[in-house]
Amino acid sequence: MQLGVVGLGRMGGNIARRLKNAGHEIVVFDVDAKAVDKLAGEGMTGATGLEDVIKKLKAPRALWIMLPAGKITEETIKTVAAALEPGDIIIDGGNSFYKDDIRRAAELREKKITYVDVGTSGGVWGLERGYCMMIGGTKEAVDHLDPIFKALAPGIGSIELTPGREAHDQRAEHGYIHAGPAGAGHFVKMIHNGIEYGMMQAYAEGFDILKNKASESLPEDQRFTLNLPDIAEVWRRGSVVASWLLDLTSIALAKDETLAGFSGSVEDSGEGRWTIEAAIEEAVPAEVLSASLFARFRSRQQHTFGEKLLSAMRFQFGGHVERK
C-alpha cells in the first residue's frame, strides 16, 4: 500500500521505516531535508514539499501527519486539505486534542476528504517493538487502512491470549483497535497518557523512598543502603508491579544508579492536562492522575531523586530530553 508520511522526527521516521520494511511504498517529507535524504537513501521516495508529496501519491491518497500537536499540525492539515481530492484520507498520528479531531473531521467531510486520528504509543522503540494504536474514524476508512495499521502494530508476539476474548475484535490482540468515530482514537490515547503519568509517579515515589532509607535523619539501626538497580531488576521478574515502564526504569538505573545526567525537571506534553479536564467535564474523581500532573509542575521548582527517575523514564521510552 502507498502512504505519505509528513514529519520524520523521533517517531515519524521510524514509522516510515517499519512500513517500508513491511513492503509498503512510502513517500516522505520533512522541513529537515537531511531527514528526507536519509530515508530516501533507505529506499523511500523523498519529496520536496507538501504539494510534492501529494503529487507522488496515487489516488485515493493517504497521508500520515506525524507532527507535534497544535499550530504546526493544524496548518499542515489545512495546507494538504486544500490540495487533496474527494476520497483522499488525512491521518493525524500525533497527540492532537480529541475535540480538534472532531472539528477537523466535520470540516474535511464537507470536502469529501476523510479524517482519521491515530493515538500512537511506542516512542523511540516502535521500529523494533511496533506501535500500539488507538484509531478514530469511519469504519470504511479504518478498514481501508488496515494493512498500514497491521504492519505498524506489534502483533501478538509472545504475550499470552486473554481467556474469554474469542468473541471480541482480534485486532486488539495484535496491538491496535478501532476505538470509534473521529476523535475517539486520540481520546483513548489521552487517557492512556494520563494513566502513564500516574504509573510513572508511583514508581518515582517508591524508588525515592527506597533511596532515602539510607538517610542520616533515620535511627542508625533502621538505615538500609539498598541496591536500586537490583530492586528494579528483581521486580521485573514475577512481580505484580512488572511493566514496560519498570523495564525502562531498570535500564536507566543500570546505566547510572545516581541518575546524575538528569536534573529532575519533568515536562508534561499536554495529554495529562487534557485527561484531568475530561475528568472534570465528566465529574469523575481522578485523584492519582491529578496528583501526578501537579507533581510534574512542582518538579520544575525543586528536584528529588524520584523526579530524576521520571525524567529518565521519559528519555527511555520517548527520547524526551529535559528542557535546559
C-alpha atoms as a PDB file:
ATOM      1  CA  MET A   1       0.000   0.000   0.000  1.00  0.00           C
ATOM      2  CA  GLN A   2       1.196   3.544  -0.709  1.00  0.00           C
ATOM      3  CA  LEU A   3       1.355   6.146   2.073  1.00  0.00           C
ATOM      4  CA  GLY A   4       2.747   9.632   2.504  1.00  0.00           C
ATOM      5  CA  VAL A   5       4.444  10.411   5.828  1.00  0.00           C
ATOM      6  CA  VAL A   6       4.931  14.048   6.836  1.00  0.00           C
ATOM      7  CA  GLY A   7       7.140  14.641   9.866  1.00  0.00           C
ATOM      8  CA  LEU A   8      10.223  12.460  10.279  1.00  0.00           C
ATOM      9  CA  GLY A   9      11.128  13.072  13.896  1.00  0.00           C
ATOM     10  CA  ARG A  10      11.626  10.562  16.723  1.00  0.00           C
ATOM     11  CA  MET A  11       8.534   8.570  15.752  1.00  0.00           C
ATOM     12  CA  GLY A  12       7.680   9.632  12.200  1.00  0.00           C
ATOM     13  CA  GLY A  13      10.944   8.422  10.717  1.00  0.00           C
ATOM     14  CA  ASN A  14      10.668   5.010  12.351  1.00  0.00           C
ATOM     15  CA  ILE A  15       7.020   4.676  11.353  1.00  0.00           C
ATOM     16  CA  ALA A  16       8.119   5.188   7.752  1.00  0.00           C
ATOM     17  CA  ARG A  17      10.912   2.636   8.193  1.00  0.00           C
ATOM     18  CA  ARG A  18       8.654  -0.003   9.732  1.00  0.00           C
ATOM     19  CA  LEU A  19       6.177   0.377   6.873  1.00  0.00           C
ATOM     20  CA  LYS A  20       8.939   0.254   4.262  1.00  0.00           C
ATOM     21  CA  ASN A  21      10.334  -2.907   5.886  1.00  0.00           C
ATOM     22  CA  ALA A  22       6.855  -4.456   5.611  1.00  0.00           C
ATOM     23  CA  GLY A  23       6.782  -3.835   1.864  1.00  0.00           C
ATOM     24  CA  HIS A  24       4.720  -0.649   1.675  1.00  0.00           C
ATOM     25  CA  GLU A  25       5.587   2.197  -0.695  1.00  0.00           C
ATOM     26  CA  ILE A  26       6.362   5.287   1.383  1.00  0.00           C
ATOM     27  CA  VAL A  27       6.674   8.917   0.271  1.00  0.00           C
ATOM     28  CA  VAL A  28       8.319  11.097   2.929  1.00  0.00           C
ATOM     29  CA  PHE A  29       8.680  14.789   3.691  1.00  0.00           C
ATOM     30  CA  ASP A  30      10.097  16.897   6.494  1.00  0.00           C
ATOM     31  CA  VAL A  31      11.263  20.502   6.729  1.00  0.00           C
ATOM     32  CA  ASP A  32      14.658  18.979   7.535  1.00  0.00           C
ATOM     33  CA  ALA A  33      15.963  17.994   4.103  1.00  0.00           C
ATOM     34  CA  LYS A  34      18.634  15.787   5.679  1.00  0.00           C
ATOM     35  CA  ALA A  35      15.930  13.626   7.278  1.00  0.00           C
ATOM     36  CA  VAL A  36      14.266  13.219   3.874  1.00  0.00           C
ATOM     37  CA  ASP A  37      17.564  12.378   2.177  1.00  0.00           C
ATOM     38  CA  LYS A  38      18.367   9.769   4.818  1.00  0.00           C
ATOM     39  CA  LEU A  39      15.099   7.890   4.277  1.00  0.00           C
ATOM     40  CA  ALA A  40      15.357   8.275   0.513  1.00  0.00           C
ATOM     41  CA  GLY A  41      18.705   6.540   0.837  1.00  0.00           C
ATOM     42  CA  GLU A  42      16.901   3.679   2.568  1.00  0.00           C
ATOM     43  CA  GLY A  43      14.609   3.113  -0.403  1.00  0.00           C
ATOM     44  CA  MET A  44      11.748   5.513   0.201  1.00  0.00           C
ATOM     45  CA  THR A  45      10.584   8.281  -2.114  1.00  0.00           C
ATOM     46  CA  GLY A  46      11.642  11.721  -0.916  1.00  0.00           C
ATOM     47  CA  ALA A  47       9.511  14.809  -1.523  1.00  0.00           C
ATOM     48  CA  THR A  48      10.498  18.476  -1.555  1.00  0.00           C
ATOM     49  CA  GLY A  49       7.271  19.821  -0.068  1.00  0.00           C
ATOM     50  CA  LEU A  50       3.694  19.031   0.881  1.00  0.00           C
ATOM     51  CA  GLU A  51       2.395  19.512  -2.661  1.00  0.00           C
ATOM     52  CA  ASP A  52       5.176  17.282  -3.963  1.00  0.00           C
ATOM     53  CA  VAL A  53       4.116  14.517  -1.537  1.00  0.00           C
ATOM     54  CA  ILE A  54       0.579  14.723  -2.885  1.00  0.00           C
ATOM     55  CA  LYS A  55       1.791  14.651  -6.495  1.00  0.00           C
ATOM     56  CA  LYS A  56       3.785  11.499  -5.823  1.00  0.00           C
ATOM     57  CA  LEU A  57       0.798   9.653  -4.312  1.00  0.00           C
ATOM     58  CA  LYS A  58      -1.794   7.817  -6.389  1.00  0.00           C
ATOM     59  CA  ALA A  59      -5.497   8.442  -5.782  1.00  0.00           C
ATOM     60  CA  PRO A  60      -7.119   7.684  -3.463  1.00  0.00           C
ATOM     61  CA  ARG A  61      -4.275   9.128  -1.404  1.00  0.00           C
ATOM     62  CA  ALA A  62      -3.493   8.507   2.245  1.00  0.00           C
ATOM     63  CA  LEU A  63      -1.281  10.961   4.095  1.00  0.00           C
ATOM     64  CA  TRP A  64       0.027  10.363   7.653  1.00  0.00           C
ATOM     65  CA  ILE A  65       0.838  13.579   9.566  1.00  0.00           C
ATOM     66  CA  MET A  66       3.304  12.967  12.428  1.00  0.00           C
ATOM     67  CA  LEU A  67       3.938  16.382  13.930  1.00  0.00           C
ATOM     68  CA  PRO A  68       3.644  17.997  17.382  1.00  0.00           C
ATOM     69  CA  ALA A  69       0.086  18.786  18.438  1.00  0.00           C
ATOM     70  CA  GLY A  70      -1.073  22.352  17.953  1.00  0.00           C
ATOM     71  CA  LYS A  71      -0.383  25.046  15.378  1.00  0.00           C
ATOM     72  CA  ILE A  72       2.034  23.134  13.148  1.00  0.00           C
ATOM     73  CA  THR A  73      -0.335  20.172  12.782  1.00  0.00           C
ATOM     74  CA  GLU A  74      -3.315  22.461  12.228  1.00  0.00           C
ATOM     75  CA  GLU A  75      -1.558  24.437   9.489  1.00  0.00           C
ATOM     76  CA  THR A  76      -0.203  21.308   7.793  1.00  0.00           C
ATOM     77  CA  ILE A  77      -3.642  19.695   7.664  1.00  0.00           C
ATOM     78  CA  LYS A  78      -5.158  22.878   6.181  1.00  0.00           C
ATOM     79  CA  THR A  79      -2.421  23.056   3.552  1.00  0.00           C
ATOM     80  CA  VAL A  80      -2.700  19.450   2.412  1.00  0.00           C
ATOM     81  CA  ALA A  81      -6.509  19.510   2.533  1.00  0.00           C
ATOM     82  CA  ALA A  82      -6.509  22.353   0.019  1.00  0.00           C
ATOM     83  CA  ALA A  83      -4.536  20.200  -2.430  1.00  0.00           C
ATOM     84  CA  LEU A  84      -6.229  16.831  -1.873  1.00  0.00           C
ATOM     85  CA  GLU A  85      -9.245  15.469  -3.724  1.00  0.00           C
ATOM     86  CA  PRO A  86     -12.510  13.781  -2.682  1.00  0.00           C
ATOM     87  CA  GLY A  87     -11.827  10.249  -1.453  1.00  0.00           C
ATOM     88  CA  ASP A  88      -8.385  11.058  -0.046  1.00  0.00           C
ATOM     89  CA  ILE A  89      -7.527  10.407   3.615  1.00  0.00           C
ATOM     90  CA  ILE A  90      -5.650  12.517   6.152  1.00  0.00           C
ATOM     91  CA  ILE A  91      -4.287  10.659   9.189  1.00  0.00           C
ATOM     92  CA  ASP A  92      -3.132  12.554  12.270  1.00  0.00           C
ATOM     93  CA  GLY A  93      -0.858  10.174  14.174  1.00  0.00           C
ATOM     94  CA  GLY A  94       0.388  12.723  16.717  1.00  0.00           C
ATOM     95  CA  ASN A  95      -1.126  13.685  20.067  1.00  0.00           C
ATOM     96  CA  SER A  96      -3.790  16.168  18.988  1.00  0.00           C
ATOM     97  CA  PHE A  97      -6.627  17.183  21.307  1.00  0.00           C
ATOM     98  CA  TYR A  98      -9.628  14.987  20.505  1.00  0.00           C
ATOM     99  CA  LYS A  99     -12.046  17.935  20.196  1.00  0.00           C
ATOM    100  CA  ASP A 100      -9.832  19.311  17.417  1.00  0.00           C
ATOM    101  CA  ASP A 101     -10.206  15.947  15.663  1.00  0.00           C
ATOM    102  CA  ILE A 102     -13.994  16.168  15.824  1.00  0.00           C
ATOM    103  CA  ARG A 103     -13.918  19.673  14.319  1.00  0.00           C
ATOM    104  CA  ARG A 104     -11.412  18.757  11.598  1.00  0.00           C
ATOM    105  CA  ALA A 105     -13.337  15.666  10.585  1.00  0.00           C
ATOM    106  CA  ALA A 106     -16.517  17.743  10.147  1.00  0.00           C
ATOM    107  CA  GLU A 107     -14.696  20.408   8.121  1.00  0.00           C
ATOM    108  CA  LEU A 108     -12.993  17.866   5.862  1.00  0.00           C
ATOM    109  CA  ARG A 109     -16.211  15.891   5.404  1.00  0.00           C
ATOM    110  CA  GLU A 110     -17.629  18.882   3.506  1.00  0.00           C
ATOM    111  CA  LYS A 111     -14.771  18.458   1.017  1.00  0.00           C
ATOM    112  CA  LYS A 112     -15.353  14.680   0.909  1.00  0.00           C
ATOM    113  CA  ILE A 113     -11.909  14.145   2.465  1.00  0.00           C
ATOM    114  CA  THR A 114     -11.767  11.559   5.249  1.00  0.00           C
ATOM    115  CA  TYR A 115     -10.036  12.292   8.545  1.00  0.00           C
ATOM    116  CA  VAL A 116      -8.584   9.557  10.775  1.00  0.00           C
ATOM    117  CA  ASP A 117      -6.956  10.158  14.162  1.00  0.00           C
ATOM    118  CA  VAL A 118      -4.453   7.629  15.486  1.00  0.00           C
ATOM    119  CA  GLY A 119      -3.246   7.715  19.060  1.00  0.00           C
ATOM    120  CA  THR A 120       0.205   6.177  18.651  1.00  0.00           C
ATOM    121  CA  SER A 121       2.224   4.706  21.516  1.00  0.00           C
ATOM    122  CA  GLY A 122       5.654   3.174  21.173  1.00  0.00           C
ATOM    123  CA  GLY A 123       8.081   6.072  21.277  1.00  0.00           C
ATOM    124  CA  VAL A 124      11.625   5.554  20.091  1.00  0.00           C
ATOM    125  CA  TRP A 125      11.249   1.772  20.463  1.00  0.00           C
ATOM    126  CA  GLY A 126       8.476   1.483  17.874  1.00  0.00           C
ATOM    127  CA  LEU A 127      10.654   0.438  14.939  1.00  0.00           C
ATOM    128  CA  GLU A 128      11.679  -2.692  16.815  1.00  0.00           C
ATOM    129  CA  ARG A 129       8.654  -3.347  19.048  1.00  0.00           C
ATOM    130  CA  GLY A 130       5.842  -1.938  16.923  1.00  0.00           C
ATOM    131  CA  TYR A 131       3.273   0.705  17.815  1.00  0.00           C
ATOM    132  CA  CYS A 132       0.149   0.346  19.921  1.00  0.00           C
ATOM    133  CA  MET A 133      -2.552   2.304  18.082  1.00  0.00           C
ATOM    134  CA  MET A 134      -5.955   3.641  19.082  1.00  0.00           C
ATOM    135  CA  ILE A 135      -7.806   4.717  15.939  1.00  0.00           C
ATOM    136  CA  GLY A 136     -10.729   7.078  15.381  1.00  0.00           C
ATOM    137  CA  GLY A 137     -12.630   7.442  12.119  1.00  0.00           C
ATOM    138  CA  THR A 138     -15.179   5.797   9.862  1.00  0.00           C
ATOM    139  CA  LYS A 139     -15.238   2.025   9.568  1.00  0.00           C
ATOM    140  CA  GLU A 140     -14.670   2.275   5.815  1.00  0.00           C
ATOM    141  CA  ALA A 141     -11.504   4.366   6.195  1.00  0.00           C
ATOM    142  CA  VAL A 142     -10.087   2.279   9.041  1.00  0.00           C
ATOM    143  CA  ASP A 143     -10.724  -0.950   7.136  1.00  0.00           C
ATOM    144  CA  HIS A 144      -9.096   0.527   4.018  1.00  0.00           C
ATOM    145  CA  LEU A 145      -6.000   1.458   6.041  1.00  0.00           C
ATOM    146  CA  ASP A 146      -5.833  -1.880   7.869  1.00  0.00           C
ATOM    147  CA  PRO A 147      -2.686  -3.060   6.006  1.00  0.00           C
ATOM    148  CA  ILE A 148      -0.885   0.031   7.314  1.00  0.00           C
ATOM    149  CA  PHE A 149      -2.045  -0.448  10.888  1.00  0.00           C
ATOM    150  CA  LYS A 150      -1.313  -4.168  10.838  1.00  0.00           C
ATOM    151  CA  ALA A 151       2.260  -3.526   9.668  1.00  0.00           C
ATOM    152  CA  LEU A 152       2.868  -0.900  12.351  1.00  0.00           C
ATOM    153  CA  ALA A 153       1.315  -2.896  15.208  1.00  0.00           C
ATOM    154  CA  PRO A 154       3.437  -5.150  17.441  1.00  0.00           C
ATOM    155  CA  GLY A 155       1.403  -8.286  16.655  1.00  0.00           C
ATOM    156  CA  ILE A 156       0.555 -10.971  19.186  1.00  0.00           C
ATOM    157  CA  GLY A 157       4.195 -11.812  19.833  1.00  0.00           C
ATOM    158  CA  SER A 158       4.879 -13.832  22.968  1.00  0.00           C
ATOM    159  CA  ILE A 159       2.029 -12.356  25.039  1.00  0.00           C
ATOM    160  CA  GLU A 160      -0.481 -14.992  26.094  1.00  0.00           C
ATOM    161  CA  LEU A 161      -4.023 -14.552  24.793  1.00  0.00           C
ATOM    162  CA  THR A 162      -6.589 -13.371  27.328  1.00  0.00           C
ATOM    163  CA  PRO A 163      -9.144 -16.106  28.120  1.00  0.00           C
ATOM    164  CA  GLY A 164     -12.700 -15.287  27.064  1.00  0.00           C
ATOM    165  CA  ARG A 165     -11.793 -12.874  24.252  1.00  0.00           C
ATOM    166  CA  GLU A 166     -12.841 -15.200  21.420  1.00  0.00           C
ATOM    167  CA  ALA A 167     -15.889 -13.081  20.517  1.00  0.00           C
ATOM    168  CA  HIS A 168     -14.002  -9.766  20.647  1.00  0.00           C
ATOM    169  CA  ASP A 169     -12.203  -7.837  17.900  1.00  0.00           C
ATOM    170  CA  GLN A 170      -8.929  -9.685  17.374  1.00  0.00           C
ATOM    171  CA  ARG A 171      -7.150  -6.536  16.211  1.00  0.00           C
ATOM    172  CA  ALA A 172      -6.750  -5.566  19.868  1.00  0.00           C
ATOM    173  CA  GLU A 173      -4.673  -8.693  20.413  1.00  0.00           C
ATOM    174  CA  HIS A 174      -2.356  -7.524  17.654  1.00  0.00           C
ATOM    175  CA  GLY A 175      -1.927  -4.086  19.233  1.00  0.00           C
ATOM    176  CA  TYR A 176      -4.451  -1.798  17.516  1.00  0.00           C
ATOM    177  CA  ILE A 177      -8.150  -1.002  17.783  1.00  0.00           C
ATOM    178  CA  HIS A 178     -10.818   0.986  16.001  1.00  0.00           C
ATOM    179  CA  ALA A 179     -11.894   2.986  19.056  1.00  0.00           C
ATOM    180  CA  GLY A 180     -14.841   4.786  17.457  1.00  0.00           C
ATOM    181  CA  PRO A 181     -15.609   7.863  15.319  1.00  0.00           C
ATOM    182  CA  ALA A 182     -13.202  10.729  14.707  1.00  0.00           C
ATOM    183  CA  GLY A 183     -11.687  11.894  17.979  1.00  0.00           C
ATOM    184  CA  ALA A 184     -12.130   8.575  19.767  1.00  0.00           C
ATOM    185  CA  GLY A 185      -8.604   7.414  18.975  1.00  0.00           C
ATOM    186  CA  HIS A 186      -6.907  10.447  20.442  1.00  0.00           C
ATOM    187  CA  PHE A 187      -9.312  10.449  23.391  1.00  0.00           C
ATOM    188  CA  VAL A 188      -8.310   6.880  24.326  1.00  0.00           C
ATOM    189  CA  LYS A 189      -4.615   7.765  23.835  1.00  0.00           C
ATOM    190  CA  MET A 190      -5.109  10.854  26.008  1.00  0.00           C
ATOM    191  CA  ILE A 191      -6.404   8.744  28.884  1.00  0.00           C
ATOM    192  CA  HIS A 192      -3.587   6.229  28.240  1.00  0.00           C
ATOM    193  CA  ASN A 193      -1.061   9.022  28.763  1.00  0.00           C
ATOM    194  CA  GLY A 194      -2.869  10.268  31.863  1.00  0.00           C
ATOM    195  CA  ILE A 195      -2.620   6.771  33.349  1.00  0.00           C
ATOM    196  CA  GLU A 196       1.043   6.702  32.320  1.00  0.00           C
ATOM    197  CA  TYR A 197       1.625   9.832  34.428  1.00  0.00           C
ATOM    198  CA  GLY A 198       0.163   8.079  37.474  1.00  0.00           C
ATOM    199  CA  MET A 199       2.149   4.874  36.967  1.00  0.00           C
ATOM    200  CA  MET A 200       5.393   6.752  36.467  1.00  0.00           C
ATOM    201  CA  GLN A 201       4.750   8.844  39.569  1.00  0.00           C
ATOM    202  CA  ALA A 202       4.150   5.706  41.651  1.00  0.00           C
ATOM    203  CA  TYR A 203       7.470   4.202  40.546  1.00  0.00           C
ATOM    204  CA  ALA A 204       9.263   7.505  41.103  1.00  0.00           C
ATOM    205  CA  GLU A 205       7.930   7.941  44.631  1.00  0.00           C
ATOM    206  CA  GLY A 206       8.581   4.328  45.548  1.00  0.00           C
ATOM    207  CA  PHE A 207      12.203   4.414  44.423  1.00  0.00           C
ATOM    208  CA  ASP A 208      12.667   7.764  46.148  1.00  0.00           C
ATOM    209  CA  ILE A 209      11.584   6.144  49.434  1.00  0.00           C
ATOM    210  CA  LEU A 210      13.938   3.219  48.813  1.00  0.00           C
ATOM    211  CA  LYS A 211      16.877   5.549  48.121  1.00  0.00           C
ATOM    212  CA  ASN A 212      16.244   7.671  51.208  1.00  0.00           C
ATOM    213  CA  LYS A 213      16.177   4.668  53.545  1.00  0.00           C
ATOM    214  CA  ALA A 214      19.888   5.431  53.999  1.00  0.00           C
ATOM    215  CA  SER A 215      19.129   8.952  55.255  1.00  0.00           C
ATOM    216  CA  GLU A 216      21.098  10.142  58.271  1.00  0.00           C
ATOM    217  CA  SER A 217      17.857  11.528  59.686  1.00  0.00           C
ATOM    218  CA  LEU A 218      16.787   7.952  60.476  1.00  0.00           C
ATOM    219  CA  PRO A 219      17.995   5.977  63.500  1.00  0.00           C
ATOM    220  CA  GLU A 220      21.250   4.254  62.534  1.00  0.00           C
ATOM    221  CA  ASP A 221      19.887   0.737  63.052  1.00  0.00           C
ATOM    222  CA  GLN A 222      16.987   1.491  60.679  1.00  0.00           C
ATOM    223  CA  ARG A 223      19.115   2.688  57.768  1.00  0.00           C
ATOM    224  CA  PHE A 224      19.473   0.472  54.695  1.00  0.00           C
ATOM    225  CA  THR A 225      21.689   1.178  51.716  1.00  0.00           C
ATOM    226  CA  LEU A 226      19.596  -0.521  49.055  1.00  0.00           C
ATOM    227  CA  ASN A 227      20.725  -1.553  45.579  1.00  0.00           C
ATOM    228  CA  LEU A 228      18.163   0.194  43.365  1.00  0.00           C
ATOM    229  CA  PRO A 229      19.245  -1.411  40.054  1.00  0.00           C
ATOM    230  CA  ASP A 230      18.846  -4.877  41.607  1.00  0.00           C
ATOM    231  CA  ILE A 231      15.445  -3.995  43.088  1.00  0.00           C
ATOM    232  CA  ALA A 232      14.183  -2.746  39.726  1.00  0.00           C
ATOM    233  CA  GLU A 233      15.509  -5.882  38.052  1.00  0.00           C
ATOM    234  CA  VAL A 234      14.021  -8.352  40.512  1.00  0.00           C
ATOM    235  CA  TRP A 235      10.606  -6.625  40.355  1.00  0.00           C
ATOM    236  CA  ARG A 236      10.642  -7.153  36.586  1.00  0.00           C
ATOM    237  CA  ARG A 237      10.588 -10.916  37.126  1.00  0.00           C
ATOM    238  CA  GLY A 238       7.384 -12.336  38.526  1.00  0.00           C
ATOM    239  CA  SER A 239       6.353  -9.236  40.472  1.00  0.00           C
ATOM    240  CA  VAL A 240       2.806  -7.865  40.310  1.00  0.00           C
ATOM    241  CA  VAL A 241       4.226  -4.387  39.575  1.00  0.00           C
ATOM    242  CA  ALA A 242       6.162  -5.531  36.481  1.00  0.00           C
ATOM    243  CA  SER A 243       5.602  -3.413  33.357  1.00  0.00           C
ATOM    244  CA  TRP A 244       7.419  -1.916  30.387  1.00  0.00           C
ATOM    245  CA  LEU A 245       7.889   1.273  32.417  1.00  0.00           C
ATOM    246  CA  LEU A 246       9.671  -0.805  35.053  1.00  0.00           C
ATOM    247  CA  ASP A 247      11.806  -2.358  32.296  1.00  0.00           C
ATOM    248  CA  LEU A 248      12.848   1.155  31.267  1.00  0.00           C
ATOM    249  CA  THR A 249      13.461   2.119  34.886  1.00  0.00           C
ATOM    250  CA  SER A 250      15.780  -0.859  35.242  1.00  0.00           C
ATOM    251  CA  ILE A 251      17.685   0.181  32.108  1.00  0.00           C
ATOM    252  CA  ALA A 252      18.129   3.737  33.410  1.00  0.00           C
ATOM    253  CA  LEU A 253      19.303   2.634  36.867  1.00  0.00           C
ATOM    254  CA  ALA A 254      21.677   0.030  35.441  1.00  0.00           C
ATOM    255  CA  LYS A 255      23.371   2.776  33.418  1.00  0.00           C
ATOM    256  CA  ASP A 256      23.724   5.135  36.392  1.00  0.00           C
ATOM    257  CA  GLU A 257      22.237   4.460  39.811  1.00  0.00           C
ATOM    258  CA  THR A 258      22.555   8.152  40.759  1.00  0.00           C
ATOM    259  CA  LEU A 259      20.827   9.404  37.564  1.00  0.00           C
ATOM    260  CA  ALA A 260      23.380  12.209  37.539  1.00  0.00           C
ATOM    261  CA  GLY A 261      22.539  13.083  33.944  1.00  0.00           C
ATOM    262  CA  PHE A 262      19.022  14.188  34.876  1.00  0.00           C
ATOM    263  CA  SER A 263      18.024  17.302  36.806  1.00  0.00           C
ATOM    264  CA  GLY A 264      14.527  16.090  37.686  1.00  0.00           C
ATOM    265  CA  SER A 265      12.669  18.881  35.871  1.00  0.00           C
ATOM    266  CA  VAL A 266       9.760  16.958  34.324  1.00  0.00           C
ATOM    267  CA  GLU A 267       7.714  18.362  31.450  1.00  0.00           C
ATOM    268  CA  ASP A 268       4.128  17.420  30.633  1.00  0.00           C
ATOM    269  CA  SER A 269       3.186  17.093  26.976  1.00  0.00           C
ATOM    270  CA  GLY A 270      -0.487  18.100  27.213  1.00  0.00           C
ATOM    271  CA  GLU A 271      -2.365  14.828  27.414  1.00  0.00           C
ATOM    272  CA  GLY A 272      -2.168  14.755  31.220  1.00  0.00           C
ATOM    273  CA  ARG A 273      -3.848  18.152  31.441  1.00  0.00           C
ATOM    274  CA  TRP A 274      -6.497  17.149  28.907  1.00  0.00           C
ATOM    275  CA  THR A 275      -7.184  13.960  30.865  1.00  0.00           C
ATOM    276  CA  ILE A 276      -7.908  15.985  34.016  1.00  0.00           C
ATOM    277  CA  GLU A 277     -10.113  18.364  32.015  1.00  0.00           C
ATOM    278  CA  ALA A 278     -12.099  15.357  30.742  1.00  0.00           C
ATOM    279  CA  ALA A 279     -12.453  14.047  34.295  1.00  0.00           C
ATOM    280  CA  ILE A 280     -13.821  17.428  35.389  1.00  0.00           C
ATOM    281  CA  GLU A 281     -16.285  17.527  32.464  1.00  0.00           C
ATOM    282  CA  GLU A 282     -17.495  14.025  33.340  1.00  0.00           C
ATOM    283  CA  ALA A 283     -17.413  14.622  37.127  1.00  0.00           C
ATOM    284  CA  VAL A 284     -15.157  11.573  37.512  1.00  0.00           C
ATOM    285  CA  PRO A 285     -12.781  11.598  40.520  1.00  0.00           C
ATOM    286  CA  ALA A 286      -9.168  11.261  39.362  1.00  0.00           C
ATOM    287  CA  GLU A 287      -7.081  11.803  42.477  1.00  0.00           C
ATOM    288  CA  VAL A 288      -3.965   9.888  41.409  1.00  0.00           C
ATOM    289  CA  LEU A 289      -3.840  11.272  37.880  1.00  0.00           C
ATOM    290  CA  SER A 290      -4.372  14.838  39.122  1.00  0.00           C
ATOM    291  CA  ALA A 291      -1.664  14.478  41.773  1.00  0.00           C
ATOM    292  CA  SER A 292       0.822  13.092  39.238  1.00  0.00           C
ATOM    293  CA  LEU A 293       0.253  16.097  36.959  1.00  0.00           C
ATOM    294  CA  PHE A 294       0.730  18.594  39.777  1.00  0.00           C
ATOM    295  CA  ALA A 295       3.858  16.738  40.886  1.00  0.00           C
ATOM    296  CA  ARG A 296       5.338  17.492  37.455  1.00  0.00           C
ATOM    297  CA  PHE A 297       4.550  21.175  37.899  1.00  0.00           C
ATOM    298  CA  ARG A 298       6.329  21.174  41.257  1.00  0.00           C
ATOM    299  CA  SER A 299       9.322  19.311  39.812  1.00  0.00           C
ATOM    300  CA  ARG A 300      10.241  22.447  37.881  1.00  0.00           C
ATOM    301  CA  GLN A 301      10.838  24.306  41.142  1.00  0.00           C
ATOM    302  CA  GLN A 302      12.729  21.750  43.239  1.00  0.00           C
ATOM    303  CA  HIS A 303      14.003  18.305  42.337  1.00  0.00           C
ATOM    304  CA  THR A 304      14.006  14.925  44.065  1.00  0.00           C
ATOM    305  CA  PHE A 305      15.582  11.612  43.099  1.00  0.00           C
ATOM    306  CA  GLY A 306      12.091  10.433  42.146  1.00  0.00           C
ATOM    307  CA  GLU A 307      11.786  13.259  39.646  1.00  0.00           C
ATOM    308  CA  LYS A 308      15.159  12.343  38.161  1.00  0.00           C
ATOM    309  CA  LEU A 309      13.704   8.869  37.670  1.00  0.00           C
ATOM    310  CA  LEU A 310      10.645  10.353  35.940  1.00  0.00           C
ATOM    311  CA  SER A 311      12.963  12.205  33.562  1.00  0.00           C
ATOM    312  CA  ALA A 312      14.959   9.035  32.992  1.00  0.00           C
ATOM    313  CA  MET A 313      11.804   7.054  32.149  1.00  0.00           C
ATOM    314  CA  ARG A 314      10.615   9.755  29.710  1.00  0.00           C
ATOM    315  CA  PHE A 315      14.003   9.674  27.999  1.00  0.00           C
ATOM    316  CA  GLN A 316      13.981   5.875  27.808  1.00  0.00           C
ATOM    317  CA  PHE A 317      10.564   5.448  26.205  1.00  0.00           C
ATOM    318  CA  GLY A 318      10.235   8.617  24.161  1.00  0.00           C
ATOM    319  CA  GLY A 319      13.653  10.187  23.814  1.00  0.00           C
ATOM    320  CA  HIS A 320      12.357  13.232  25.685  1.00  0.00           C
ATOM    321  CA  VAL A 321      15.279  15.457  26.672  1.00  0.00           C
ATOM    322  CA  GLU A 322      14.989  17.746  29.688  1.00  0.00           C
ATOM    323  CA  ARG A 323      14.464  21.407  28.940  1.00  0.00           C
ATOM    324  CA  LYS A 324      17.595  23.422  29.755  1.00  0.00           C
END
